[in-house]
Amino acid sequence: MRAGARRIWLLLATVSGLGVPPALAADADHGADLARRWCASCHVVTSSQTQASADVPSFASVARKPDFSPERLAFFLLDPHPKMPNFPLSRTEAADIAAYIGSLRR
């Protein structure tokens, strides 16, 4: 199995909980802490935050997208796009941030 394919499989298994003990489930509270530390300079990550970049979506708006998926978002966070800084997130941290954003879905 190619390294990239193995990485995708491991991420999906971790995030979806397939065959993974509950102790490794995503932690939305830890994701909120990470988001406040690493993401709040650009994104509105909490309802109490008053300032962020105007051209990036708030975490609440990301959560409300009809096609939102914590698994897809966690994978996206592991492979940053050009407009996003390259934060060295672990699979667990990416899953935790995605779980936090998913908790904002209303």
PDB file of N, CA and C in Angstrom:
ATOM      1  N   MET A   1       0.850  -1.169   0.000  1.00  0.00           N
ATOM      2  CA  MET A   1       0.000   0.000   0.000  1.00  0.00           C
ATOM      3  C   MET A   1       0.900   1.237   0.000  1.00  0.00           C
ATOM      4  N   ARG A   2       0.589   2.185  -0.861  1.00  0.00           N
ATOM      5  CA  ARG A   2       1.354   3.431  -0.918  1.00  0.00           C
ATOM      6  C   ARG A   2       1.232   4.177   0.405  1.00  0.00           C
ATOM      7  N   ALA A   3       2.260   4.951   0.716  1.00  0.00           N
ATOM      8  CA  ALA A   3       2.274   5.701   1.979  1.00  0.00           C
ATOM      9  C   ALA A   3       1.093   6.663   2.056  1.00  0.00           C
ATOM     10  N   GLY A   4       0.773   7.337   0.953  1.00  0.00           N
ATOM     11  CA  GLY A   4      -0.354   8.274   0.942  1.00  0.00           C
ATOM     12  C   GLY A   4      -1.679   7.581   1.186  1.00  0.00           C
ATOM     13  N   ALA A   5      -1.863   6.431   0.547  1.00  0.00           N
ATOM     14  CA  ALA A   5      -3.099   5.674   0.744  1.00  0.00           C
ATOM     15  C   ALA A   5      -3.192   5.167   2.179  1.00  0.00           C
ATOM     16  N   ARG A   6      -2.060   4.739   2.739  1.00  0.00           N
ATOM     17  CA  ARG A   6      -2.054   4.275   4.121  1.00  0.00           C
ATOM     18  C   ARG A   6      -2.396   5.412   5.073  1.00  0.00           C
ATOM     19  N   ARG A   7      -1.878   6.597   4.794  1.00  0.00           N
ATOM     20  CA  ARG A   7      -2.161   7.770   5.626  1.00  0.00           C
ATOM     21  C   ARG A   7      -3.651   8.088   5.603  1.00  0.00           C
ATOM     22  N   ILE A   8      -4.259   8.035   4.419  1.00  0.00           N
ATOM     23  CA  ILE A   8      -5.698   8.305   4.299  1.00  0.00           C
ATOM     24  C   ILE A   8      -6.485   7.266   5.090  1.00  0.00           C
ATOM     25  N   TRP A   9      -6.128   5.986   4.927  1.00  0.00           N
ATOM     26  CA  TRP A   9      -6.828   4.926   5.632  1.00  0.00           C
ATOM     27  C   TRP A   9      -6.715   5.111   7.141  1.00  0.00           C
ATOM     28  N   LEU A  10      -5.522   5.398   7.633  1.00  0.00           N
ATOM     29  CA  LEU A  10      -5.341   5.579   9.072  1.00  0.00           C
ATOM     30  C   LEU A  10      -6.151   6.760   9.590  1.00  0.00           C
ATOM     31  N   LEU A  11      -6.179   7.841   8.820  1.00  0.00           N
ATOM     32  CA  LEU A  11      -6.963   9.007   9.224  1.00  0.00           C
ATOM     33  C   LEU A  11      -8.438   8.664   9.297  1.00  0.00           C
ATOM     34  N   LEU A  12      -8.948   8.022   8.263  1.00  0.00           N
ATOM     35  CA  LEU A  12     -10.365   7.672   8.250  1.00  0.00           C
ATOM     36  C   LEU A  12     -10.709   6.711   9.379  1.00  0.00           C
ATOM     37  N   ALA A  13      -9.843   5.761   9.644  1.00  0.00           N
ATOM     38  CA  ALA A  13     -10.085   4.830  10.735  1.00  0.00           C
ATOM     39  C   ALA A  13     -10.087   5.547  12.078  1.00  0.00           C
ATOM     40  N   THR A  14      -9.167   6.484  12.257  1.00  0.00           N
ATOM     41  CA  THR A  14      -9.090   7.228  13.512  1.00  0.00           C
ATOM     42  C   THR A  14     -10.310   8.109  13.705  1.00  0.00           C
ATOM     43  N   VAL A  15     -10.674   8.855  12.664  1.00  0.00           N
ATOM     44  CA  VAL A  15     -11.766   9.817  12.785  1.00  0.00           C
ATOM     45  C   VAL A  15     -13.117   9.132  12.886  1.00  0.00           C
ATOM     46  N   SER A  16     -13.325   8.093  12.101  1.00  0.00           N
ATOM     47  CA  SER A  16     -14.638   7.450  12.105  1.00  0.00           C
ATOM     48  C   SER A  16     -14.790   6.431  13.220  1.00  0.00           C
ATOM     49  N   GLY A  17     -13.679   6.062  13.848  1.00  0.00           N
ATOM     50  CA  GLY A  17     -13.751   5.123  14.949  1.00  0.00           C
ATOM     51  C   GLY A  17     -13.825   3.673  14.517  1.00  0.00           C
ATOM     52  N   LEU A  18     -13.585   3.388  13.250  1.00  0.00           N
ATOM     53  CA  LEU A  18     -13.634   2.013  12.774  1.00  0.00           C
ATOM     54  C   LEU A  18     -12.478   1.221  13.367  1.00  0.00           C
ATOM     55  N   GLY A  19     -12.791   0.346  14.284  1.00  0.00           N
ATOM     56  CA  GLY A  19     -11.764  -0.495  14.881  1.00  0.00           C
ATOM     57  C   GLY A  19     -10.818   0.239  15.814  1.00  0.00           C
ATOM     58  N   VAL A  20     -11.175   1.431  16.214  1.00  0.00           N
ATOM     59  CA  VAL A  20     -10.314   2.228  17.087  1.00  0.00           C
ATOM     60  C   VAL A  20     -10.964   2.298  18.461  1.00  0.00           C
ATOM     61  N   PRO A  21     -10.223   2.076  19.521  1.00  0.00           N
ATOM     62  CA  PRO A  21     -10.795   2.152  20.864  1.00  0.00           C
ATOM     63  C   PRO A  21     -11.386   3.534  21.138  1.00  0.00           C
ATOM     64  N   PRO A  22     -12.440   3.618  21.974  1.00  0.00           N
ATOM     65  CA  PRO A  22     -13.064   4.904  22.288  1.00  0.00           C
ATOM     66  C   PRO A  22     -12.087   5.933  22.843  1.00  0.00           C
ATOM     67  N   ALA A  23     -11.010   5.518  23.464  1.00  0.00           N
ATOM     68  CA  ALA A  23     -10.043   6.463  24.019  1.00  0.00           C
ATOM     69  C   ALA A  23      -9.424   7.334  22.929  1.00  0.00           C
ATOM     70  N   LEU A  24      -9.474   6.880  21.681  1.00  0.00           N
ATOM     71  CA  LEU A  24      -8.882   7.645  20.591  1.00  0.00           C
ATOM     72  C   LEU A  24      -9.924   8.467  19.830  1.00  0.00           C
ATOM     73  N   ALA A  25     -11.159   8.510  20.315  1.00  0.00           N
ATOM     74  CA  ALA A  25     -12.197   9.291  19.647  1.00  0.00           C
ATOM     75  C   ALA A  25     -11.824  10.764  19.671  1.00  0.00           C
ATOM     76  N   ALA A  26     -12.308  11.506  18.679  1.00  0.00           N
ATOM     77  CA  ALA A  26     -12.002  12.932  18.579  1.00  0.00           C
ATOM     78  C   ALA A  26     -12.523  13.674  19.807  1.00  0.00           C
ATOM     79  N   ASP A  27     -11.774  14.672  20.247  1.00  0.00           N
ATOM     80  CA  ASP A  27     -12.065  15.448  21.453  1.00  0.00           C
ATOM     81  C   ASP A  27     -12.362  16.894  21.046  1.00  0.00           C
ATOM     82  N   ALA A  28     -13.648  17.240  20.989  1.00  0.00           N
ATOM     83  CA  ALA A  28     -14.058  18.578  20.552  1.00  0.00           C
ATOM     84  C   ALA A  28     -13.546  19.669  21.493  1.00  0.00           C
ATOM     85  N   ASP A  29     -13.455  19.383  22.795  1.00  0.00           N
ATOM     86  CA  ASP A  29     -12.944  20.390  23.739  1.00  0.00           C
ATOM     87  C   ASP A  29     -11.474  20.699  23.453  1.00  0.00           C
ATOM     88  N   HIS A  30     -10.696  19.659  23.192  1.00  0.00           N
ATOM     89  CA  HIS A  30      -9.288  19.880  22.830  1.00  0.00           C
ATOM     90  C   HIS A  30      -9.216  20.623  21.498  1.00  0.00           C
ATOM     91  N   GLY A  31     -10.113  20.286  20.562  1.00  0.00           N
ATOM     92  CA  GLY A  31     -10.166  20.978  19.278  1.00  0.00           C
ATOM     93  C   GLY A  31     -10.462  22.464  19.447  1.00  0.00           C
ATOM     94  N   ALA A  32     -11.340  22.795  20.394  1.00  0.00           N
ATOM     95  CA  ALA A  32     -11.648  24.207  20.667  1.00  0.00           C
ATOM     96  C   ALA A  32     -10.410  24.933  21.186  1.00  0.00           C
ATOM     97  N   ASP A  33      -9.665  24.288  22.074  1.00  0.00           N
ATOM     98  CA  ASP A  33      -8.425  24.892  22.580  1.00  0.00           C
ATOM     99  C   ASP A  33      -7.424  25.125  21.454  1.00  0.00           C
ATOM    100  N   LEU A  34      -7.252  24.114  20.602  1.00  0.00           N
ATOM    101  CA  LEU A  34      -6.339  24.252  19.462  1.00  0.00           C
ATOM    102  C   LEU A  34      -6.798  25.364  18.526  1.00  0.00           C
ATOM    103  N   ALA A  35      -8.088  25.432  18.268  1.00  0.00           N
ATOM    104  CA  ALA A  35      -8.633  26.446  17.360  1.00  0.00           C
ATOM    105  C   ALA A  35      -8.387  27.852  17.894  1.00  0.00           C
ATOM    106  N   ARG A  36      -8.606  28.039  19.191  1.00  0.00           N
ATOM    107  CA  ARG A  36      -8.361  29.365  19.773  1.00  0.00           C
ATOM    108  C   ARG A  36      -6.881  29.740  19.663  1.00  0.00           C
ATOM    109  N   ARG A  37      -6.007  28.760  19.807  1.00  0.00           N
ATOM    110  CA  ARG A  37      -4.570  29.028  19.773  1.00  0.00           C
ATOM    111  C   ARG A  37      -4.053  29.228  18.351  1.00  0.00           C
ATOM    112  N   TRP A  38      -4.458  28.382  17.415  1.00  0.00           N
ATOM    113  CA  TRP A  38      -3.849  28.390  16.082  1.00  0.00           C
ATOM    114  C   TRP A  38      -4.706  29.018  14.986  1.00  0.00           C
ATOM    115  N   CYS A  39      -6.012  29.031  15.150  1.00  0.00           N
ATOM    116  CA  CYS A  39      -6.886  29.411  14.034  1.00  0.00           C
ATOM    117  C   CYS A  39      -7.536  30.790  14.189  1.00  0.00           C
ATOM    118  N   ALA A  40      -7.620  31.291  15.425  1.00  0.00           N
ATOM    119  CA  ALA A  40      -8.373  32.517  15.706  1.00  0.00           C
ATOM    120  C   ALA A  40      -7.760  33.776  15.118  1.00  0.00           C
ATOM    121  N   SER A  41      -6.521  33.726  14.683  1.00  0.00           N
ATOM    122  CA  SER A  41      -5.947  34.925  14.070  1.00  0.00           C
ATOM    123  C   SER A  41      -6.563  35.177  12.697  1.00  0.00           C
ATOM    124  N   CYS A  42      -7.123  34.160  12.076  1.00  0.00           N
ATOM    125  CA  CYS A  42      -7.757  34.324  10.759  1.00  0.00           C
ATOM    126  C   CYS A  42      -9.263  34.050  10.796  1.00  0.00           C
ATOM    127  N   HIS A  43      -9.677  32.997  11.514  1.00  0.00           N
ATOM    128  CA  HIS A  43     -11.084  32.574  11.557  1.00  0.00           C
ATOM    129  C   HIS A  43     -11.748  33.008  12.851  1.00  0.00           C
ATOM    130  N   VAL A  44     -13.056  33.269  12.786  1.00  0.00           N
ATOM    131  CA  VAL A  44     -13.848  33.403  14.004  1.00  0.00           C
ATOM    132  C   VAL A  44     -14.107  31.970  14.451  1.00  0.00           C
ATOM    133  N   VAL A  45     -13.565  31.606  15.603  1.00  0.00           N
ATOM    134  CA  VAL A  45     -13.675  30.223  16.055  1.00  0.00           C
ATOM    135  C   VAL A  45     -14.670  30.038  17.195  1.00  0.00           C
ATOM    136  N   THR A  46     -15.064  31.128  17.859  1.00  0.00           N
ATOM    137  CA  THR A  46     -16.062  31.065  18.932  1.00  0.00           C
ATOM    138  C   THR A  46     -17.059  32.195  18.749  1.00  0.00           C
ATOM    139  N   SER A  47     -18.224  32.040  19.344  1.00  0.00           N
ATOM    140  CA  SER A  47     -19.246  33.087  19.221  1.00  0.00           C
ATOM    141  C   SER A  47     -18.848  34.369  19.945  1.00  0.00           C
ATOM    142  N   SER A  48     -17.940  34.271  20.901  1.00  0.00           N
ATOM    143  CA  SER A  48     -17.518  35.467  21.638  1.00  0.00           C
ATOM    144  C   SER A  48     -16.363  36.213  20.965  1.00  0.00           C
ATOM    145  N   GLN A  49     -15.788  35.639  19.935  1.00  0.00           N
ATOM    146  CA  GLN A  49     -14.674  36.297  19.234  1.00  0.00           C
ATOM    147  C   GLN A  49     -15.202  37.454  18.402  1.00  0.00           C
ATOM    148  N   THR A  50     -14.537  38.591  18.470  1.00  0.00           N
ATOM    149  CA  THR A  50     -15.029  39.786  17.783  1.00  0.00           C
ATOM    150  C   THR A  50     -14.211  40.176  16.562  1.00  0.00           C
ATOM    151  N   GLN A  51     -13.060  39.582  16.347  1.00  0.00           N
ATOM    152  CA  GLN A  51     -12.201  40.024  15.262  1.00  0.00           C
ATOM    153  C   GLN A  51     -11.533  38.840  14.574  1.00  0.00           C
ATOM    154  N   ALA A  52     -11.447  38.915  13.236  1.00  0.00           N
ATOM    155  CA  ALA A  52     -10.760  37.908  12.421  1.00  0.00           C
ATOM    156  C   ALA A  52     -10.604  38.485  11.025  1.00  0.00           C
ATOM    157  N   SER A  53      -9.987  37.740  10.143  1.00  0.00           N
ATOM    158  CA  SER A  53      -9.844  38.192   8.750  1.00  0.00           C
ATOM    159  C   SER A  53     -11.201  38.182   8.070  1.00  0.00           C
ATOM    160  N   ALA A  54     -11.433  39.170   7.261  1.00  0.00           N
ATOM    161  CA  ALA A  54     -12.731  39.303   6.603  1.00  0.00           C
ATOM    162  C   ALA A  54     -12.945  38.292   5.488  1.00  0.00           C
ATOM    163  N   ASP A  55     -11.882  37.787   4.906  1.00  0.00           N
ATOM    164  CA  ASP A  55     -12.030  36.944   3.722  1.00  0.00           C
ATOM    165  C   ASP A  55     -11.968  35.436   4.000  1.00  0.00           C
ATOM    166  N   VAL A  56     -12.107  35.034   5.259  1.00  0.00           N
ATOM    167  CA  VAL A  56     -12.112  33.607   5.588  1.00  0.00           C
ATOM    168  C   VAL A  56     -13.399  33.272   6.337  1.00  0.00           C
ATOM    169  N   PRO A  57     -13.909  32.060   6.158  1.00  0.00           N
ATOM    170  CA  PRO A  57     -15.180  31.713   6.813  1.00  0.00           C
ATOM    171  C   PRO A  57     -15.008  31.486   8.309  1.00  0.00           C
ATOM    172  N   SER A  58     -16.062  31.777   9.037  1.00  0.00           N
ATOM    173  CA  SER A  58     -16.074  31.457  10.460  1.00  0.00           C
ATOM    174  C   SER A  58     -16.216  29.943  10.602  1.00  0.00           C
ATOM    175  N   PHE A  59     -15.830  29.422  11.741  1.00  0.00           N
ATOM    176  CA  PHE A  59     -15.976  27.985  11.963  1.00  0.00           C
ATOM    177  C   PHE A  59     -17.454  27.586  11.963  1.00  0.00           C
ATOM    178  N   ALA A  60     -18.333  28.454  12.468  1.00  0.00           N
ATOM    179  CA  ALA A  60     -19.765  28.144  12.470  1.00  0.00           C
ATOM    180  C   ALA A  60     -20.293  28.029  11.040  1.00  0.00           C
ATOM    181  N   SER A  61     -19.823  28.907  10.146  1.00  0.00           N
ATOM    182  CA  SER A  61     -20.297  28.822   8.758  1.00  0.00           C
ATOM    183  C   SER A  61     -19.752  27.581   8.058  1.00  0.00           C
ATOM    184  N   VAL A  62     -18.543  27.164   8.403  1.00  0.00           N
ATOM    185  CA  VAL A  62     -17.999  25.916   7.853  1.00  0.00           C
ATOM    186  C   VAL A  62     -18.864  24.749   8.326  1.00  0.00           C
ATOM    187  N   ALA A  63     -19.225  24.742   9.596  1.00  0.00           N
ATOM    188  CA  ALA A  63     -20.030  23.650  10.163  1.00  0.00           C
ATOM    189  C   ALA A  63     -21.410  23.566   9.519  1.00  0.00           C
ATOM    190  N   ARG A  64     -21.963  24.697   9.104  1.00  0.00           N
ATOM    191  CA  ARG A  64     -23.319  24.719   8.530  1.00  0.00           C
ATOM    192  C   ARG A  64     -23.369  24.361   7.050  1.00  0.00           C
ATOM    193  N   LYS A  65     -22.225  24.174   6.407  1.00  0.00           N
ATOM    194  CA  LYS A  65     -22.237  23.814   4.992  1.00  0.00           C
ATOM    195  C   LYS A  65     -22.974  22.487   4.824  1.00  0.00           C
ATOM    196  N   PRO A  66     -23.820  22.391   3.806  1.00  0.00           N
ATOM    197  CA  PRO A  66     -24.614  21.169   3.626  1.00  0.00           C
ATOM    198  C   PRO A  66     -23.757  19.907   3.461  1.00  0.00           C
ATOM    199  N   ASP A  67     -22.582  20.046   2.894  1.00  0.00           N
ATOM    200  CA  ASP A  67     -21.730  18.873   2.660  1.00  0.00           C
ATOM    201  C   ASP A  67     -20.655  18.706   3.732  1.00  0.00           C
ATOM    202  N   PHE A  68     -20.830  19.353   4.898  1.00  0.00           N
ATOM    203  CA  PHE A  68     -19.831  19.268   5.961  1.00  0.00           C
ATOM    204  C   PHE A  68     -19.651  17.829   6.424  1.00  0.00           C
ATOM    205  N   SER A  69     -18.407  17.455   6.595  1.00  0.00           N
ATOM    206  CA  SER A  69     -18.058  16.133   7.111  1.00  0.00           C
ATOM    207  C   SER A  69     -16.806  16.286   7.975  1.00  0.00           C
ATOM    208  N   PRO A  70     -16.879  15.901   9.250  1.00  0.00           N
ATOM    209  CA  PRO A  70     -15.687  16.003  10.092  1.00  0.00           C
ATOM    210  C   PRO A  70     -14.510  15.208   9.527  1.00  0.00           C
ATOM    211  N   GLU A  71     -14.795  14.048   8.950  1.00  0.00           N
ATOM    212  CA  GLU A  71     -13.723  13.221   8.381  1.00  0.00           C
ATOM    213  C   GLU A  71     -13.028  13.939   7.228  1.00  0.00           C
ATOM    214  N   ARG A  72     -13.807  14.510   6.329  1.00  0.00           N
ATOM    215  CA  ARG A  72     -13.237  15.227   5.184  1.00  0.00           C
ATOM    216  C   ARG A  72     -12.462  16.454   5.645  1.00  0.00           C
ATOM    217  N   LEU A  73     -13.010  17.164   6.626  1.00  0.00           N
ATOM    218  CA  LEU A  73     -12.334  18.358   7.135  1.00  0.00           C
ATOM    219  C   LEU A  73     -11.011  17.992   7.806  1.00  0.00           C
ATOM    220  N   ALA A  74     -11.000  16.933   8.589  1.00  0.00           N
ATOM    221  CA  ALA A  74      -9.756  16.505   9.248  1.00  0.00           C
ATOM    222  C   ALA A  74      -8.689  16.175   8.208  1.00  0.00           C
ATOM    223  N   PHE A  75      -9.081  15.492   7.153  1.00  0.00           N
ATOM    224  CA  PHE A  75      -8.129  15.172   6.092  1.00  0.00           C
ATOM    225  C   PHE A  75      -7.623  16.460   5.430  1.00  0.00           C
ATOM    226  N   PHE A  76      -8.521  17.391   5.164  1.00  0.00           N
ATOM    227  CA  PHE A  76      -8.160  18.677   4.570  1.00  0.00           C
ATOM    228  C   PHE A  76      -7.144  19.412   5.437  1.00  0.00           C
ATOM    229  N   LEU A  77      -7.344  19.382   6.744  1.00  0.00           N
ATOM    230  CA  LEU A  77      -6.435  20.080   7.661  1.00  0.00           C
ATOM    231  C   LEU A  77      -5.035  19.480   7.661  1.00  0.00           C
ATOM    232  N   LEU A  78      -4.926  18.212   7.333  1.00  0.00           N
ATOM    233  CA  LEU A  78      -3.612  17.559   7.285  1.00  0.00           C
ATOM    234  C   LEU A  78      -2.848  17.897   6.015  1.00  0.00           C
ATOM    235  N   ASP A  79      -3.543  18.409   5.013  1.00  0.00           N
ATOM    236  CA  ASP A  79      -2.921  18.750   3.735  1.00  0.00           C
ATOM    237  C   ASP A  79      -3.281  20.202   3.422  1.00  0.00           C
ATOM    238  N   PRO A  80      -2.687  21.156   4.131  1.00  0.00           N
ATOM    239  CA  PRO A  80      -3.082  22.564   4.014  1.00  0.00           C
ATOM    240  C   PRO A  80      -3.029  23.099   2.580  1.00  0.00           C
ATOM    241  N   HIS A  81      -3.930  24.010   2.317  1.00  0.00           N
ATOM    242  CA  HIS A  81      -3.998  24.660   1.015  1.00  0.00           C
ATOM    243  C   HIS A  81      -3.167  25.942   1.045  1.00  0.00           C
ATOM    244  N   PRO A  82      -2.905  26.525  -0.110  1.00  0.00           N
ATOM    245  CA  PRO A  82      -1.997  27.685  -0.169  1.00  0.00           C
ATOM    246  C   PRO A  82      -2.389  28.871   0.713  1.00  0.00           C
ATOM    247  N   LYS A  83      -3.669  29.100   0.940  1.00  0.00           N
ATOM    248  CA  LYS A  83      -4.067  30.266   1.723  1.00  0.00           C
ATOM    249  C   LYS A  83      -3.945  30.038   3.230  1.00  0.00           C
ATOM    250  N   MET A  84      -3.697  28.794   3.633  1.00  0.00           N
ATOM    251  CA  MET A  84      -3.641  28.478   5.048  1.00  0.00           C
ATOM    252  C   MET A  84      -2.202  28.197   5.468  1.00  0.00           C
ATOM    253  N   PRO A  85      -1.796  28.708   6.635  1.00  0.00           N
ATOM    254  CA  PRO A  85      -0.429  28.414   7.093  1.00  0.00           C
ATOM    255  C   PRO A  85      -0.228  26.909   7.271  1.00  0.00           C
ATOM    256  N   ASN A  86       0.987  26.480   7.178  1.00  0.00           N
ATOM    257  CA  ASN A  86       1.298  25.064   7.319  1.00  0.00           C
ATOM    258  C   ASN A  86       1.546  24.733   8.792  1.00  0.00           C
ATOM    259  N   PHE A  87       0.458  24.469   9.518  1.00  0.00           N
ATOM    260  CA  PHE A  87       0.579  24.061  10.909  1.00  0.00           C
ATOM    261  C   PHE A  87       0.861  22.569  10.935  1.00  0.00           C
ATOM    262  N   PRO A  88       1.816  22.143  11.714  1.00  0.00           N
ATOM    263  CA  PRO A  88       2.143  20.715  11.775  1.00  0.00           C
ATOM    264  C   PRO A  88       1.162  19.955  12.673  1.00  0.00           C
ATOM    265  N   LEU A  89      -0.071  19.760  12.197  1.00  0.00           N
ATOM    266  CA  LEU A  89      -1.084  19.064  12.984  1.00  0.00           C
ATOM    267  C   LEU A  89      -0.885  17.553  12.922  1.00  0.00           C
ATOM    268  N   SER A  90      -1.097  16.907  14.038  1.00  0.00           N
ATOM    269  CA  SER A  90      -1.139  15.446  14.034  1.00  0.00           C
ATOM    270  C   SER A  90      -2.532  15.020  13.567  1.00  0.00           C
ATOM    271  N   ARG A  91      -2.694  13.744  13.280  1.00  0.00           N
ATOM    272  CA  ARG A  91      -4.017  13.241  12.888  1.00  0.00           C
ATOM    273  C   ARG A  91      -5.016  13.466  14.014  1.00  0.00           C
ATOM    274  N   THR A  92      -4.588  13.270  15.239  1.00  0.00           N
ATOM    275  CA  THR A  92      -5.476  13.455  16.386  1.00  0.00           C
ATOM    276  C   THR A  92      -5.897  14.912  16.514  1.00  0.00           C
ATOM    277  N   GLU A  93      -4.955  15.831  16.367  1.00  0.00           N
ATOM    278  CA  GLU A  93      -5.278  17.265  16.464  1.00  0.00           C
ATOM    279  C   GLU A  93      -6.227  17.684  15.348  1.00  0.00           C
ATOM    280  N   ALA A  94      -5.997  17.216  14.133  1.00  0.00           N
ATOM    281  CA  ALA A  94      -6.889  17.541  13.015  1.00  0.00           C
ATOM    282  C   ALA A  94      -8.290  17.002  13.285  1.00  0.00           C
ATOM    283  N   ALA A  95      -8.380  15.781  13.800  1.00  0.00           N
ATOM    284  CA  ALA A  95      -9.685  15.195  14.129  1.00  0.00           C
ATOM    285  C   ALA A  95     -10.362  15.974  15.251  1.00  0.00           C
ATOM    286  N   ASP A  96      -9.595  16.430  16.235  1.00  0.00           N
ATOM    287  CA  ASP A  96     -10.162  17.200  17.342  1.00  0.00           C
ATOM    288  C   ASP A  96     -10.709  18.543  16.861  1.00  0.00           C
ATOM    289  N   ILE A  97      -9.969  19.233  16.010  1.00  0.00           N
ATOM    290  CA  ILE A  97     -10.450  20.512  15.466  1.00  0.00           C
ATOM    291  C   ILE A  97     -11.707  20.278  14.635  1.00  0.00           C
ATOM    292  N   ALA A  98     -11.709  19.240  13.809  1.00  0.00           N
ATOM    293  CA  ALA A  98     -12.888  18.928  12.996  1.00  0.00           C
ATOM    294  C   ALA A  98     -14.088  18.587  13.883  1.00  0.00           C
ATOM    295  N   ALA A  99     -13.853  17.879  14.988  1.00  0.00           N
ATOM    296  CA  ALA A  99     -14.932  17.564  15.920  1.00  0.00           C
ATOM    297  C   ALA A  99     -15.476  18.829  16.569  1.00  0.00           C
ATOM    298  N   TYR A 100     -14.592  19.757  16.906  1.00  0.00           N
ATOM    299  CA  TYR A 100     -15.045  21.023  17.476  1.00  0.00           C
ATOM    300  C   TYR A 100     -15.909  21.778  16.462  1.00  0.00           C
ATOM    301  N   ILE A 101     -15.441  21.873  15.237  1.00  0.00           N
ATOM    302  CA  ILE A 101     -16.226  22.582  14.214  1.00  0.00           C
ATOM    303  C   ILE A 101     -17.561  21.874  14.018  1.00  0.00           C
ATOM    304  N   GLY A 102     -17.561  20.550  14.008  1.00  0.00           N
ATOM    305  CA  GLY A 102     -18.821  19.809  13.897  1.00  0.00           C
ATOM    306  C   GLY A 102     -19.776  20.093  15.049  1.00  0.00           C
ATOM    307  N   SER A 103     -19.239  20.372  16.224  1.00  0.00           N
ATOM    308  CA  SER A 103     -20.090  20.668  17.380  1.00  0.00           C
ATOM    309  C   SER A 103     -20.809  22.012  17.233  1.00  0.00           C
ATOM    310  N   LEU A 104     -20.348  22.845  16.305  1.00  0.00           N
ATOM    311  CA  LEU A 104     -20.959  24.160  16.079  1.00  0.00           C
ATOM    312  C   LEU A 104     -22.134  24.089  15.104  1.00  0.00           C
ATOM    313  N   ARG A 105     -22.340  22.939  14.521  1.00  0.00           N
ATOM    314  CA  ARG A 105     -23.408  22.742  13.517  1.00  0.00           C
ATOM    315  C   ARG A 105     -24.777  22.932  14.185  1.00  0.00           C
ATOM    316  N   ARG A 106     -25.568  23.789  13.592  1.00  0.00           N
ATOM    317  CA  ARG A 106     -26.930  24.049  14.131  1.00  0.00           C
ATOM    318  C   ARG A 106     -27.935  23.964  13.034  1.00  0.00           C
TER     319      ARG A 106
END
